[in-house]
């Protein structure tokens, strides 16, 4: 299963491992107004 990480309407990555998804979300938590994780 692959998940897209979308920050403020722009895809910043696509990951299959939860640790990588969380790391990407952590990078953007302080600055993003919208973070979406979408299963594809």
PDB file of N, CA and C in Angstrom:
ATOM      1  N   UNK A   1       0.842  -1.176   0.000  1.00  0.00           N
ATOM      2  CA  UNK A   1       0.000   0.000   0.000  1.00  0.00           C
ATOM      3  C   UNK A   1       0.891   1.244   0.000  1.00  0.00           C
ATOM      4  N   UNK A   2       0.575   2.189  -0.837  1.00  0.00           N
ATOM      5  CA  UNK A   2       1.354   3.425  -0.941  1.00  0.00           C
ATOM      6  C   UNK A   2       0.470   4.592  -0.517  1.00  0.00           C
ATOM      7  N   UNK A   3       1.063   5.517   0.200  1.00  0.00           N
ATOM      8  CA  UNK A   3       0.354   6.705   0.678  1.00  0.00           C
ATOM      9  C   UNK A   3       1.039   7.957   0.149  1.00  0.00           C
ATOM     10  N   UNK A   4       0.244   8.882  -0.353  1.00  0.00           N
ATOM     11  CA  UNK A   4       0.757  10.189  -0.764  1.00  0.00           C
ATOM     12  C   UNK A   4       0.689  11.124   0.426  1.00  0.00           C
ATOM     13  N   UNK A   5       1.701  11.937   0.586  1.00  0.00           N
ATOM     14  CA  UNK A   5       1.687  12.992   1.589  1.00  0.00           C
ATOM     15  C   UNK A   5       1.547  14.306   0.827  1.00  0.00           C
ATOM     16  N   UNK A   6       0.439  15.012   1.085  1.00  0.00           N
ATOM     17  CA  UNK A   6       0.131  16.250   0.383  1.00  0.00           C
ATOM     18  C   UNK A   6       0.105  17.379   1.403  1.00  0.00           C
ATOM     19  N   UNK A   7       0.918  18.390   1.166  1.00  0.00           N
ATOM     20  CA  UNK A   7       1.042  19.519   2.077  1.00  0.00           C
ATOM     21  C   UNK A   7       0.597  20.780   1.342  1.00  0.00           C
ATOM     22  N   UNK A   8      -0.417  21.427   1.870  1.00  0.00           N
ATOM     23  CA  UNK A   8      -0.950  22.660   1.279  1.00  0.00           C
ATOM     24  C   UNK A   8      -1.228  22.497  -0.220  1.00  0.00           C
ATOM     25  N   UNK A   9      -1.780  21.348  -0.591  1.00  0.00           N
ATOM     26  CA  UNK A   9      -2.177  21.104  -1.968  1.00  0.00           C
ATOM     27  C   UNK A   9      -1.089  20.602  -2.889  1.00  0.00           C
ATOM     28  N   UNK A  10       0.131  20.395  -2.381  1.00  0.00           N
ATOM     29  CA  UNK A  10       1.256  19.945  -3.208  1.00  0.00           C
ATOM     30  C   UNK A  10       1.766  18.606  -2.662  1.00  0.00           C
ATOM     31  N   UNK A  11       1.857  17.607  -3.536  1.00  0.00           N
ATOM     32  CA  UNK A  11       2.380  16.321  -3.104  1.00  0.00           C
ATOM     33  C   UNK A  11       3.871  16.448  -2.818  1.00  0.00           C
ATOM     34  N   UNK A  12       4.272  16.073  -1.602  1.00  0.00           N
ATOM     35  CA  UNK A  12       5.684  16.168  -1.215  1.00  0.00           C
ATOM     36  C   UNK A  12       6.349  14.796  -1.131  1.00  0.00           C
ATOM     37  N   UNK A  13       5.554  13.734  -1.250  1.00  0.00           N
ATOM     38  CA  UNK A  13       6.138  12.402  -1.224  1.00  0.00           C
ATOM     39  C   UNK A  13       5.085  11.332  -1.329  1.00  0.00           C
ATOM     40  N   UNK A  14       5.553  10.106  -1.597  1.00  0.00           N
ATOM     41  CA  UNK A  14       4.692   8.920  -1.631  1.00  0.00           C
ATOM     42  C   UNK A  14       5.473   7.797  -0.952  1.00  0.00           C
ATOM     43  N   UNK A  15       4.890   7.215   0.079  1.00  0.00           N
ATOM     44  CA  UNK A  15       5.620   6.264   0.917  1.00  0.00           C
ATOM     45  C   UNK A  15       4.780   5.045   1.222  1.00  0.00           C
ATOM     46  N   UNK A  16       5.454   3.930   1.485  1.00  0.00           N
ATOM     47  CA  UNK A  16       4.755   2.719   1.889  1.00  0.00           C
ATOM     48  C   UNK A  16       5.014   2.389   3.361  1.00  0.00           C
ATOM     49  N   UNK A  17       6.058   2.960   3.933  1.00  0.00           N
ATOM     50  CA  UNK A  17       6.374   2.684   5.334  1.00  0.00           C
ATOM     51  C   UNK A  17       5.906   3.835   6.222  1.00  0.00           C
ATOM     52  N   UNK A  18       5.260   3.464   7.314  1.00  0.00           N
ATOM     53  CA  UNK A  18       4.679   4.453   8.221  1.00  0.00           C
ATOM     54  C   UNK A  18       5.741   5.398   8.770  1.00  0.00           C
ATOM     55  N   UNK A  19       6.917   4.899   9.075  1.00  0.00           N
ATOM     56  CA  UNK A  19       7.972   5.747   9.631  1.00  0.00           C
ATOM     57  C   UNK A  19       8.333   6.877   8.664  1.00  0.00           C
ATOM     58  N   UNK A  20       8.354   6.587   7.374  1.00  0.00           N
ATOM     59  CA  UNK A  20       8.680   7.606   6.383  1.00  0.00           C
ATOM     60  C   UNK A  20       7.561   8.635   6.256  1.00  0.00           C
ATOM     61  N   UNK A  21       6.316   8.178   6.345  1.00  0.00           N
ATOM     62  CA  UNK A  21       5.174   9.097   6.304  1.00  0.00           C
ATOM     63  C   UNK A  21       5.242  10.051   7.489  1.00  0.00           C
ATOM     64  N   UNK A  22       5.478   9.514   8.667  1.00  0.00           N
ATOM     65  CA  UNK A  22       5.536  10.343   9.865  1.00  0.00           C
ATOM     66  C   UNK A  22       6.701  11.323   9.827  1.00  0.00           C
ATOM     67  N   UNK A  23       7.826  10.908   9.274  1.00  0.00           N
ATOM     68  CA  UNK A  23       8.983  11.805   9.164  1.00  0.00           C
ATOM     69  C   UNK A  23       8.654  12.983   8.250  1.00  0.00           C
ATOM     70  N   UNK A  24       7.984  12.713   7.144  1.00  0.00           N
ATOM     71  CA  UNK A  24       7.617  13.787   6.205  1.00  0.00           C
ATOM     72  C   UNK A  24       6.609  14.741   6.843  1.00  0.00           C
ATOM     73  N   UNK A  25       5.631  14.192   7.540  1.00  0.00           N
ATOM     74  CA  UNK A  25       4.638  15.029   8.231  1.00  0.00           C
ATOM     75  C   UNK A  25       5.336  15.880   9.289  1.00  0.00           C
ATOM     76  N   UNK A  26       6.270  15.291  10.020  1.00  0.00           N
ATOM     77  CA  UNK A  26       7.007  16.020  11.045  1.00  0.00           C
ATOM     78  C   UNK A  26       7.780  17.200  10.494  1.00  0.00           C
ATOM     79  N   UNK A  27       8.304  17.058   9.280  1.00  0.00           N
ATOM     80  CA  UNK A  27       9.047  18.148   8.647  1.00  0.00           C
ATOM     81  C   UNK A  27       8.172  19.356   8.367  1.00  0.00           C
ATOM     82  N   UNK A  28       6.886  19.127   8.132  1.00  0.00           N
ATOM     83  CA  UNK A  28       6.001  20.206   7.703  1.00  0.00           C
ATOM     84  C   UNK A  28       5.030  20.675   8.784  1.00  0.00           C
ATOM     85  N   UNK A  29       5.060  20.058   9.956  1.00  0.00           N
ATOM     86  CA  UNK A  29       4.064  20.371  10.992  1.00  0.00           C
ATOM     87  C   UNK A  29       4.070  21.832  11.422  1.00  0.00           C
ATOM     88  N   UNK A  30       5.215  22.430  11.525  1.00  0.00           N
ATOM     89  CA  UNK A  30       5.279  23.800  12.011  1.00  0.00           C
ATOM     90  C   UNK A  30       4.849  24.858  11.007  1.00  0.00           C
ATOM     91  N   UNK A  31       4.894  24.525   9.714  1.00  0.00           N
ATOM     92  CA  UNK A  31       4.664  25.544   8.699  1.00  0.00           C
ATOM     93  C   UNK A  31       3.417  25.320   7.858  1.00  0.00           C
ATOM     94  N   UNK A  32       2.933  24.107   7.758  1.00  0.00           N
ATOM     95  CA  UNK A  32       1.813  23.798   6.866  1.00  0.00           C
ATOM     96  C   UNK A  32       0.474  24.161   7.503  1.00  0.00           C
ATOM     97  N   UNK A  33      -0.445  24.600   6.657  1.00  0.00           N
ATOM     98  CA  UNK A  33      -1.803  24.844   7.149  1.00  0.00           C
ATOM     99  C   UNK A  33      -2.693  23.636   6.895  1.00  0.00           C
ATOM    100  N   UNK A  34      -2.277  22.741   5.977  1.00  0.00           N
ATOM    101  CA  UNK A  34      -3.085  21.570   5.654  1.00  0.00           C
ATOM    102  C   UNK A  34      -2.158  20.421   5.272  1.00  0.00           C
ATOM    103  N   UNK A  35      -2.314  19.274   5.959  1.00  0.00           N
ATOM    104  CA  UNK A  35      -1.545  18.071   5.629  1.00  0.00           C
ATOM    105  C   UNK A  35      -2.539  16.951   5.380  1.00  0.00           C
ATOM    106  N   UNK A  36      -2.411  16.291   4.229  1.00  0.00           N
ATOM    107  CA  UNK A  36      -3.315  15.214   3.839  1.00  0.00           C
ATOM    108  C   UNK A  36      -2.493  13.972   3.546  1.00  0.00           C
ATOM    109  N   UNK A  37      -2.931  12.836   4.082  1.00  0.00           N
ATOM    110  CA  UNK A  37      -2.326  11.545   3.759  1.00  0.00           C
ATOM    111  C   UNK A  37      -3.381  10.763   2.991  1.00  0.00           C
ATOM    112  N   UNK A  38      -3.040  10.389   1.760  1.00  0.00           N
ATOM    113  CA  UNK A  38      -4.001   9.773   0.853  1.00  0.00           C
ATOM    114  C   UNK A  38      -3.504   8.403   0.419  1.00  0.00           C
ATOM    115  N   UNK A  39      -4.329   7.375   0.612  1.00  0.00           N
ATOM    116  CA  UNK A  39      -3.969   6.025   0.177  1.00  0.00           C
ATOM    117  C   UNK A  39      -4.201   5.905  -1.326  1.00  0.00           C
ATOM    118  N   UNK A  40      -3.231   5.358  -2.037  1.00  0.00           N
ATOM    119  CA  UNK A  40      -3.368   5.187  -3.494  1.00  0.00           C
ATOM    120  C   UNK A  40      -3.135   3.743  -3.889  1.00  0.00           C
TER     121      UNK A  40
END
